Amino acid sequence: MKQEKKEKEGWRELPIGLILGAATCLNFETGDWRSEKPIWDAEKCTHCLICWVYCPDSAITVKDGKVQGIDYRYCKGCGICAEECPPKIKAITMVREEK
């Protein structure tokens, strides 16, 4: 039996004032909210995972205890990851989002 691929809705389709249950963020790619985006420099990164801990959108991808990058489908560009990255390292910088 072949299953149809479900089209994901965007955040603009949400009713105003809607309260959602747990894990519904997987249904809504909210990355297009950004005006700035974080750029991760793999060569500078020490994989301390501070950015991962502080990211409110779970947009920092980690595998085997090491940062792999940023999932821009969910990153809203808040800049917390860049702010929390240790000053001596600065592996994450914010840049203006170009559409």
N, C-alpha and C. Protein backbone atom coordinates (compact mmCIF):
# COMPACT_ATOMS: atom_id res chain seq x y z
N MET A 1 0.83 -1.18 0.00
CA MET A 1 0.00 0.00 0.00
C MET A 1 0.88 1.25 0.00
N LYS A 2 0.73 2.09 -0.98
CA LYS A 2 1.54 3.29 -1.13
C LYS A 2 0.95 4.44 -0.33
N GLN A 3 1.81 5.09 0.49
CA GLN A 3 1.36 6.23 1.28
C GLN A 3 1.67 7.51 0.54
N GLU A 4 0.74 8.46 0.60
CA GLU A 4 0.96 9.76 0.00
C GLU A 4 1.86 10.60 0.90
N LYS A 5 2.74 11.36 0.28
CA LYS A 5 3.60 12.26 1.04
C LYS A 5 2.79 13.46 1.51
N LYS A 6 2.80 13.70 2.82
CA LYS A 6 2.03 14.80 3.40
C LYS A 6 2.79 16.11 3.20
N GLU A 7 2.13 17.09 2.64
CA GLU A 7 2.70 18.41 2.45
C GLU A 7 2.75 19.13 3.79
N LYS A 8 3.92 19.67 4.14
CA LYS A 8 4.05 20.39 5.41
C LYS A 8 3.46 21.78 5.27
N GLU A 9 2.72 22.20 6.30
CA GLU A 9 2.17 23.54 6.32
C GLU A 9 3.22 24.52 6.82
N GLY A 10 3.10 25.75 6.41
CA GLY A 10 3.99 26.80 6.90
C GLY A 10 3.37 27.50 8.09
N TRP A 11 4.14 28.33 8.75
CA TRP A 11 3.64 29.01 9.94
C TRP A 11 2.53 29.99 9.62
N ARG A 12 2.48 30.47 8.37
CA ARG A 12 1.44 31.42 7.99
C ARG A 12 0.05 30.78 7.96
N GLU A 13 -0.02 29.47 7.90
CA GLU A 13 -1.30 28.78 7.87
C GLU A 13 -1.88 28.54 9.27
N LEU A 14 -1.11 28.86 10.31
CA LEU A 14 -1.59 28.66 11.67
C LEU A 14 -2.66 29.69 12.02
N PRO A 15 -3.74 29.28 12.65
CA PRO A 15 -4.74 30.24 13.12
C PRO A 15 -4.16 31.11 14.23
N ILE A 16 -4.55 32.38 14.28
CA ILE A 16 -4.08 33.29 15.31
C ILE A 16 -4.55 32.79 16.67
N GLY A 17 -3.62 32.76 17.63
CA GLY A 17 -3.96 32.34 18.99
C GLY A 17 -4.04 30.84 19.19
N LEU A 18 -3.63 30.06 18.21
CA LEU A 18 -3.70 28.60 18.30
C LEU A 18 -2.70 28.07 19.33
N ILE A 19 -3.12 27.13 20.12
CA ILE A 19 -2.24 26.44 21.06
C ILE A 19 -1.96 25.07 20.48
N LEU A 20 -0.68 24.74 20.31
CA LEU A 20 -0.27 23.48 19.70
C LEU A 20 0.23 22.50 20.74
N GLY A 21 0.12 21.23 20.45
CA GLY A 21 0.65 20.19 21.31
C GLY A 21 2.15 20.04 21.14
N ALA A 22 2.73 19.07 21.83
CA ALA A 22 4.18 18.83 21.78
C ALA A 22 4.62 18.32 20.42
N ALA A 23 5.85 18.66 20.04
CA ALA A 23 6.54 18.19 18.84
C ALA A 23 5.87 18.59 17.54
N THR A 24 5.03 19.60 17.57
CA THR A 24 4.41 20.05 16.33
C THR A 24 5.35 20.88 15.47
N CYS A 25 6.48 21.30 16.04
CA CYS A 25 7.44 22.10 15.27
C CYS A 25 7.95 21.33 14.05
N LEU A 26 7.91 20.02 14.10
CA LEU A 26 8.34 19.24 12.95
C LEU A 26 7.43 19.44 11.76
N ASN A 27 6.21 19.91 11.99
CA ASN A 27 5.27 20.15 10.91
C ASN A 27 5.37 21.56 10.32
N PHE A 28 6.11 22.46 10.98
CA PHE A 28 6.16 23.85 10.55
C PHE A 28 7.61 24.32 10.46
N GLU A 29 8.08 24.51 9.25
CA GLU A 29 9.43 25.02 9.04
C GLU A 29 9.37 26.54 9.18
N THR A 30 9.98 27.04 10.24
CA THR A 30 9.84 28.44 10.62
C THR A 30 11.08 29.28 10.29
N GLY A 31 12.00 28.73 9.54
CA GLY A 31 13.24 29.43 9.24
C GLY A 31 13.09 30.68 8.40
N ASP A 32 11.96 30.84 7.74
CA ASP A 32 11.81 32.04 6.91
C ASP A 32 11.43 33.28 7.72
N TRP A 33 11.46 33.19 9.04
CA TRP A 33 11.23 34.34 9.91
C TRP A 33 12.48 35.21 10.01
N ARG A 34 13.62 34.68 9.65
CA ARG A 34 14.91 35.33 9.91
C ARG A 34 15.11 36.63 9.13
N SER A 35 15.78 37.59 9.80
CA SER A 35 16.34 38.74 9.10
C SER A 35 17.86 38.65 9.14
N GLU A 36 18.37 37.85 10.08
CA GLU A 36 19.80 37.53 10.16
C GLU A 36 19.93 36.04 10.34
N LYS A 37 21.07 35.49 9.91
CA LYS A 37 21.28 34.05 10.11
C LYS A 37 22.67 33.80 10.65
N PRO A 38 22.81 32.73 11.44
CA PRO A 38 24.12 32.38 11.99
C PRO A 38 24.94 31.60 10.95
N ILE A 39 26.21 31.93 10.89
CA ILE A 39 27.15 31.19 10.03
C ILE A 39 28.12 30.48 10.96
N TRP A 40 28.19 29.15 10.82
CA TRP A 40 29.04 28.32 11.68
C TRP A 40 30.35 28.03 10.96
N ASP A 41 31.47 28.25 11.63
CA ASP A 41 32.81 27.99 11.09
C ASP A 41 33.34 26.71 11.73
N ALA A 42 33.33 25.63 10.97
CA ALA A 42 33.74 24.32 11.47
C ALA A 42 35.20 24.30 11.92
N GLU A 43 36.04 25.11 11.31
CA GLU A 43 37.46 25.12 11.67
C GLU A 43 37.71 25.78 13.03
N LYS A 44 36.88 26.74 13.40
CA LYS A 44 37.03 27.41 14.69
C LYS A 44 36.33 26.66 15.82
N CYS A 45 35.33 25.87 15.49
CA CYS A 45 34.49 25.22 16.50
C CYS A 45 35.26 24.20 17.33
N THR A 46 35.08 24.27 18.66
CA THR A 46 35.69 23.30 19.57
C THR A 46 34.68 22.24 20.04
N HIS A 47 33.44 22.32 19.52
CA HIS A 47 32.37 21.37 19.85
C HIS A 47 32.06 21.35 21.35
N CYS A 48 32.07 22.54 21.94
CA CYS A 48 31.72 22.65 23.36
C CYS A 48 30.22 22.45 23.58
N LEU A 49 29.43 22.61 22.52
CA LEU A 49 27.97 22.40 22.51
C LEU A 49 27.18 23.46 23.28
N ILE A 50 27.82 24.56 23.63
CA ILE A 50 27.10 25.63 24.31
C ILE A 50 26.00 26.17 23.40
N CYS A 51 26.29 26.32 22.12
CA CYS A 51 25.28 26.82 21.17
C CYS A 51 24.08 25.88 21.13
N TRP A 52 24.34 24.60 21.15
CA TRP A 52 23.28 23.58 21.10
C TRP A 52 22.40 23.65 22.35
N VAL A 53 23.02 23.85 23.50
CA VAL A 53 22.27 23.93 24.75
C VAL A 53 21.34 25.14 24.76
N TYR A 54 21.81 26.28 24.27
CA TYR A 54 21.05 27.52 24.34
C TYR A 54 20.07 27.73 23.18
N CYS A 55 20.23 27.02 22.08
CA CYS A 55 19.35 27.24 20.92
C CYS A 55 17.90 26.91 21.27
N PRO A 56 16.99 27.90 21.22
CA PRO A 56 15.60 27.65 21.58
C PRO A 56 14.83 26.87 20.51
N ASP A 57 15.41 26.72 19.34
CA ASP A 57 14.71 26.05 18.24
C ASP A 57 15.30 24.69 17.88
N SER A 58 16.28 24.23 18.66
CA SER A 58 16.97 22.97 18.36
C SER A 58 17.47 22.94 16.91
N ALA A 59 17.98 24.07 16.45
CA ALA A 59 18.44 24.18 15.08
C ALA A 59 19.92 23.83 14.91
N ILE A 60 20.64 23.67 16.00
CA ILE A 60 22.04 23.26 15.94
C ILE A 60 22.05 21.75 15.82
N THR A 61 22.61 21.22 14.74
CA THR A 61 22.63 19.78 14.55
C THR A 61 23.93 19.20 15.12
N VAL A 62 23.78 18.12 15.87
CA VAL A 62 24.90 17.47 16.55
C VAL A 62 24.86 15.98 16.26
N LYS A 63 26.03 15.40 16.00
CA LYS A 63 26.14 13.96 15.80
C LYS A 63 27.39 13.48 16.50
N ASP A 64 27.25 12.45 17.30
CA ASP A 64 28.38 11.88 18.05
C ASP A 64 29.11 12.93 18.88
N GLY A 65 28.36 13.85 19.49
CA GLY A 65 28.94 14.84 20.37
C GLY A 65 29.64 15.98 19.66
N LYS A 66 29.45 16.12 18.34
CA LYS A 66 30.10 17.20 17.59
C LYS A 66 29.07 17.96 16.77
N VAL A 67 29.23 19.28 16.75
CA VAL A 67 28.34 20.12 15.95
C VAL A 67 28.55 19.78 14.49
N GLN A 68 27.44 19.63 13.77
CA GLN A 68 27.49 19.32 12.34
C GLN A 68 27.09 20.52 11.49
N GLY A 69 26.35 21.45 12.08
CA GLY A 69 25.90 22.62 11.34
C GLY A 69 24.63 23.19 11.94
N ILE A 70 23.94 23.99 11.13
CA ILE A 70 22.72 24.66 11.56
C ILE A 70 21.61 24.29 10.59
N ASP A 71 20.48 23.88 11.13
CA ASP A 71 19.32 23.53 10.31
C ASP A 71 18.52 24.81 10.08
N TYR A 72 18.73 25.43 8.92
CA TYR A 72 18.10 26.71 8.61
C TYR A 72 16.60 26.59 8.37
N ARG A 73 16.08 25.39 8.27
CA ARG A 73 14.63 25.23 8.12
C ARG A 73 13.92 25.66 9.40
N TYR A 74 14.60 25.57 10.54
CA TYR A 74 13.99 25.88 11.83
C TYR A 74 14.63 27.07 12.54
N CYS A 75 15.83 27.46 12.15
CA CYS A 75 16.52 28.59 12.79
C CYS A 75 15.77 29.89 12.48
N LYS A 76 15.43 30.63 13.54
CA LYS A 76 14.70 31.89 13.38
C LYS A 76 15.63 33.10 13.43
N GLY A 77 16.93 32.87 13.59
CA GLY A 77 17.90 33.96 13.55
C GLY A 77 17.96 34.80 14.80
N CYS A 78 17.68 34.23 15.94
CA CYS A 78 17.67 35.00 17.19
C CYS A 78 19.07 35.45 17.61
N GLY A 79 20.10 34.73 17.21
CA GLY A 79 21.47 35.10 17.52
C GLY A 79 21.98 34.61 18.86
N ILE A 80 21.18 33.86 19.60
CA ILE A 80 21.62 33.35 20.90
C ILE A 80 22.85 32.46 20.74
N CYS A 81 22.89 31.64 19.71
CA CYS A 81 24.04 30.74 19.51
C CYS A 81 25.33 31.54 19.33
N ALA A 82 25.27 32.61 18.54
CA ALA A 82 26.46 33.45 18.31
C ALA A 82 26.86 34.18 19.58
N GLU A 83 25.88 34.63 20.35
CA GLU A 83 26.15 35.34 21.60
C GLU A 83 26.78 34.42 22.64
N GLU A 84 26.34 33.18 22.69
CA GLU A 84 26.83 32.23 23.70
C GLU A 84 28.12 31.53 23.30
N CYS A 85 28.48 31.55 22.03
CA CYS A 85 29.74 30.94 21.59
C CYS A 85 30.88 31.67 22.31
N PRO A 86 31.79 30.92 22.96
CA PRO A 86 32.85 31.57 23.74
C PRO A 86 33.60 32.64 22.94
N PRO A 87 33.84 33.81 23.56
CA PRO A 87 34.46 34.95 22.87
C PRO A 87 35.80 34.65 22.22
N LYS A 88 36.59 33.77 22.81
CA LYS A 88 37.90 33.45 22.22
C LYS A 88 37.77 32.57 20.99
N ILE A 89 36.62 31.94 20.83
CA ILE A 89 36.42 31.01 19.72
C ILE A 89 35.65 31.68 18.57
N LYS A 90 34.49 32.24 18.89
CA LYS A 90 33.60 32.90 17.93
C LYS A 90 33.45 32.09 16.64
N ALA A 91 32.99 30.84 16.80
CA ALA A 91 32.77 29.96 15.66
C ALA A 91 31.45 30.25 14.96
N ILE A 92 30.60 31.09 15.58
CA ILE A 92 29.31 31.44 14.99
C ILE A 92 29.20 32.96 14.91
N THR A 93 28.94 33.46 13.72
CA THR A 93 28.72 34.88 13.53
C THR A 93 27.39 35.09 12.83
N MET A 94 26.78 36.22 13.08
CA MET A 94 25.49 36.55 12.47
C MET A 94 25.72 37.42 11.24
N VAL A 95 24.99 37.11 10.17
CA VAL A 95 25.04 37.90 8.94
C VAL A 95 23.62 38.22 8.49
N ARG A 96 23.46 39.28 7.77
CA ARG A 96 22.14 39.65 7.24
C ARG A 96 21.64 38.56 6.29
N GLU A 97 20.39 38.20 6.46
CA GLU A 97 19.77 37.18 5.61
C GLU A 97 19.50 37.77 4.23
N GLU A 98 19.98 37.12 3.21
CA GLU A 98 19.74 37.55 1.82
C GLU A 98 18.72 36.60 1.22
N LYS A 99 17.62 37.12 0.76
CA LYS A 99 16.56 36.29 0.17
C LYS A 99 16.70 36.22 -1.33
